[in-house]
Amino acid sequence: MQYLLSVIHDRPSLAVPEEEAAIDVFNERLQGEGNWVFAGGLAMPDTATVLDNRGGQGLVTDGPFLESKEYLAGFWVIEAPDLDVALALAAEGSRACNRKVEVRPFL
């Protein structure tokens, strides 16, 4: 089963070199153990553009979808046999990136 591990951050800064190094080690472990599907870090929320084409009239808004203290800073998509394994991997990812991680299964 695949899971989305969303990295939640609450400061206006990116990872420091020590966090980047720990994330690299975690990513290598995920790849080596067959859990890796895809991952990526995201730019700051103020670089976002929201598109809303419901109703046939496209509306483009600069800035994040939601103004919040916390924001999505990055993510992993992992393969895990069950939720317990996904949660254990998320705990390791949280430790590596020094941020909260939300776990959600794909349907």
C-alpha atoms as a PDB file:
ATOM      1  CA  MET A   1       0.000   0.000   0.000  1.00  0.00           C
ATOM      2  CA  GLN A   2       1.158   3.538  -0.669  1.00  0.00           C
ATOM      3  CA  TYR A   3       1.130   6.381   1.848  1.00  0.00           C
ATOM      4  CA  LEU A   4       1.668  10.117   1.614  1.00  0.00           C
ATOM      5  CA  LEU A   5       3.937  11.483   4.346  1.00  0.00           C
ATOM      6  CA  SER A   6       3.365  15.245   4.416  1.00  0.00           C
ATOM      7  CA  VAL A   7       6.038  17.360   6.089  1.00  0.00           C
ATOM      8  CA  ILE A   8       4.407  20.157   8.088  1.00  0.00           C
ATOM      9  CA  HIS A   9       6.533  23.186   8.948  1.00  0.00           C
ATOM     10  CA  ASP A  10       5.756  26.290  11.007  1.00  0.00           C
ATOM     11  CA  ARG A  11       8.712  28.596  10.434  1.00  0.00           C
ATOM     12  CA  PRO A  12       9.634  30.860   7.505  1.00  0.00           C
ATOM     13  CA  SER A  13      12.825  28.928   6.781  1.00  0.00           C
ATOM     14  CA  LEU A  14      14.063  25.927   4.866  1.00  0.00           C
ATOM     15  CA  ALA A  15      16.086  22.999   6.166  1.00  0.00           C
ATOM     16  CA  VAL A  16      19.489  23.741   7.671  1.00  0.00           C
ATOM     17  CA  PRO A  17      22.507  21.691   6.474  1.00  0.00           C
ATOM     18  CA  GLU A  18      22.271  19.206   9.368  1.00  0.00           C
ATOM     19  CA  GLU A  19      18.602  18.528   8.566  1.00  0.00           C
ATOM     20  CA  GLU A  20      19.386  18.179   4.854  1.00  0.00           C
ATOM     21  CA  ALA A  21      22.056  15.594   5.661  1.00  0.00           C
ATOM     22  CA  ALA A  22      19.692  13.622   7.915  1.00  0.00           C
ATOM     23  CA  ILE A  23      16.985  13.735   5.227  1.00  0.00           C
ATOM     24  CA  ASP A  24      19.469  12.397   2.655  1.00  0.00           C
ATOM     25  CA  VAL A  25      20.325   9.475   4.958  1.00  0.00           C
ATOM     26  CA  PHE A  26      16.619   8.752   5.505  1.00  0.00           C
ATOM     27  CA  ASN A  27      15.930   8.924   1.752  1.00  0.00           C
ATOM     28  CA  GLU A  28      18.785   6.493   1.065  1.00  0.00           C
ATOM     29  CA  ARG A  29      17.349   4.099   3.647  1.00  0.00           C
ATOM     30  CA  LEU A  30      13.884   4.280   2.084  1.00  0.00           C
ATOM     31  CA  GLN A  31      15.400   3.557  -1.322  1.00  0.00           C
ATOM     32  CA  GLY A  32      17.597   0.737  -0.049  1.00  0.00           C
ATOM     33  CA  GLU A  33      14.750  -1.000   1.775  1.00  0.00           C
ATOM     34  CA  GLY A  34      12.258  -0.698  -1.080  1.00  0.00           C
ATOM     35  CA  ASN A  35       9.909   1.821   0.557  1.00  0.00           C
ATOM     36  CA  TRP A  36      10.776   4.764  -1.722  1.00  0.00           C
ATOM     37  CA  VAL A  37       8.288   5.814  -4.393  1.00  0.00           C
ATOM     38  CA  PHE A  38       8.846   9.572  -4.705  1.00  0.00           C
ATOM     39  CA  ALA A  39       9.699  12.577  -2.554  1.00  0.00           C
ATOM     40  CA  GLY A  40      10.252  16.282  -2.836  1.00  0.00           C
ATOM     41  CA  GLY A  41      10.696  19.506  -0.972  1.00  0.00           C
ATOM     42  CA  LEU A  42       8.457  22.450  -1.804  1.00  0.00           C
ATOM     43  CA  ALA A  43       9.140  26.161  -2.170  1.00  0.00           C
ATOM     44  CA  MET A  44       7.737  28.572   0.389  1.00  0.00           C
ATOM     45  CA  PRO A  45       3.930  29.068   0.364  1.00  0.00           C
ATOM     46  CA  ASP A  46       4.144  32.625  -0.976  1.00  0.00           C
ATOM     47  CA  THR A  47       5.404  31.179  -4.290  1.00  0.00           C
ATOM     48  CA  ALA A  48       2.153  29.233  -4.820  1.00  0.00           C
ATOM     49  CA  THR A  49      -0.517  29.975  -7.391  1.00  0.00           C
ATOM     50  CA  VAL A  50      -4.068  28.680  -6.930  1.00  0.00           C
ATOM     51  CA  LEU A  51      -6.250  27.923  -9.957  1.00  0.00           C
ATOM     52  CA  ASP A  52     -10.027  27.543  -9.643  1.00  0.00           C
ATOM     53  CA  ASN A  53     -11.787  26.575 -12.854  1.00  0.00           C
ATOM     54  CA  ARG A  54     -15.045  25.405 -11.290  1.00  0.00           C
ATOM     55  CA  GLY A  55     -17.985  26.753 -13.207  1.00  0.00           C
ATOM     56  CA  GLY A  56     -15.956  27.289 -16.361  1.00  0.00           C
ATOM     57  CA  GLN A  57     -14.426  30.638 -15.432  1.00  0.00           C
ATOM     58  CA  GLY A  58     -10.781  30.313 -14.523  1.00  0.00           C
ATOM     59  CA  LEU A  59      -9.690  32.237 -11.457  1.00  0.00           C
ATOM     60  CA  VAL A  60      -5.972  32.567 -10.732  1.00  0.00           C
ATOM     61  CA  THR A  61      -4.845  33.710  -7.294  1.00  0.00           C
ATOM     62  CA  ASP A  62      -1.253  34.343  -6.265  1.00  0.00           C
ATOM     63  CA  GLY A  63      -0.252  32.965  -2.902  1.00  0.00           C
ATOM     64  CA  PRO A  64      -1.201  29.876  -0.935  1.00  0.00           C
ATOM     65  CA  PHE A  65      -4.587  28.171  -0.966  1.00  0.00           C
ATOM     66  CA  LEU A  66      -4.829  28.663   2.775  1.00  0.00           C
ATOM     67  CA  GLU A  67      -3.218  31.271   5.008  1.00  0.00           C
ATOM     68  CA  SER A  68      -1.878  29.402   8.013  1.00  0.00           C
ATOM     69  CA  LYS A  69       1.019  29.346  10.442  1.00  0.00           C
ATOM     70  CA  GLU A  70       1.740  25.777   9.327  1.00  0.00           C
ATOM     71  CA  TYR A  71       2.320  24.765   5.730  1.00  0.00           C
ATOM     72  CA  LEU A  72       3.284  21.813   3.561  1.00  0.00           C
ATOM     73  CA  ALA A  73       7.070  21.950   3.240  1.00  0.00           C
ATOM     74  CA  GLY A  74       7.597  18.655   1.429  1.00  0.00           C
ATOM     75  CA  PHE A  75       6.477  15.069   1.199  1.00  0.00           C
ATOM     76  CA  TRP A  76       7.366  11.444   0.695  1.00  0.00           C
ATOM     77  CA  VAL A  77       5.283   8.873  -1.133  1.00  0.00           C
ATOM     78  CA  ILE A  78       6.211   5.512   0.328  1.00  0.00           C
ATOM     79  CA  GLU A  79       5.305   1.862  -0.118  1.00  0.00           C
ATOM     80  CA  ALA A  80       4.588   0.030   3.149  1.00  0.00           C
ATOM     81  CA  PRO A  81       2.816  -3.245   3.930  1.00  0.00           C
ATOM     82  CA  ASP A  82       0.546  -1.632   6.528  1.00  0.00           C
ATOM     83  CA  LEU A  83      -0.186   1.501   8.547  1.00  0.00           C
ATOM     84  CA  ASP A  84       2.068   0.457  11.437  1.00  0.00           C
ATOM     85  CA  VAL A  85       5.107   0.319   9.142  1.00  0.00           C
ATOM     86  CA  ALA A  86       4.098   3.635   7.525  1.00  0.00           C
ATOM     87  CA  LEU A  87       3.812   5.266  10.958  1.00  0.00           C
ATOM     88  CA  ALA A  88       7.220   3.935  12.006  1.00  0.00           C
ATOM     89  CA  LEU A  89       8.777   5.301   8.817  1.00  0.00           C
ATOM     90  CA  ALA A  90       6.998   8.632   9.323  1.00  0.00           C
ATOM     91  CA  ALA A  91       8.430   8.841  12.845  1.00  0.00           C
ATOM     92  CA  GLU A  92      11.922   8.367  11.414  1.00  0.00           C
ATOM     93  CA  GLY A  93      11.225  10.952   8.715  1.00  0.00           C
ATOM     94  CA  SER A  94       9.978  13.406  11.327  1.00  0.00           C
ATOM     95  CA  ARG A  95      13.157  12.932  13.307  1.00  0.00           C
ATOM     96  CA  ALA A  96      15.303  13.352  10.179  1.00  0.00           C
ATOM     97  CA  CYS A  97      13.666  16.578   8.968  1.00  0.00           C
ATOM     98  CA  ASN A  98      12.890  17.932  12.451  1.00  0.00           C
ATOM     99  CA  ARG A  99       9.282  18.647  11.531  1.00  0.00           C
ATOM    100  CA  LYS A 100       5.825  17.149  12.026  1.00  0.00           C
ATOM    101  CA  VAL A 101       4.769  14.503   9.504  1.00  0.00           C
ATOM    102  CA  GLU A 102       1.180  13.619   8.622  1.00  0.00           C
ATOM    103  CA  VAL A 103       0.481  10.101   7.299  1.00  0.00           C
ATOM    104  CA  ARG A 104      -2.375   9.414   4.857  1.00  0.00           C
ATOM    105  CA  PRO A 105      -3.031   6.306   2.783  1.00  0.00           C
ATOM    106  CA  PHE A 106      -3.778   6.491  -0.912  1.00  0.00           C
ATOM    107  CA  LEU A 107      -7.103   4.988  -1.955  1.00  0.00           C
END
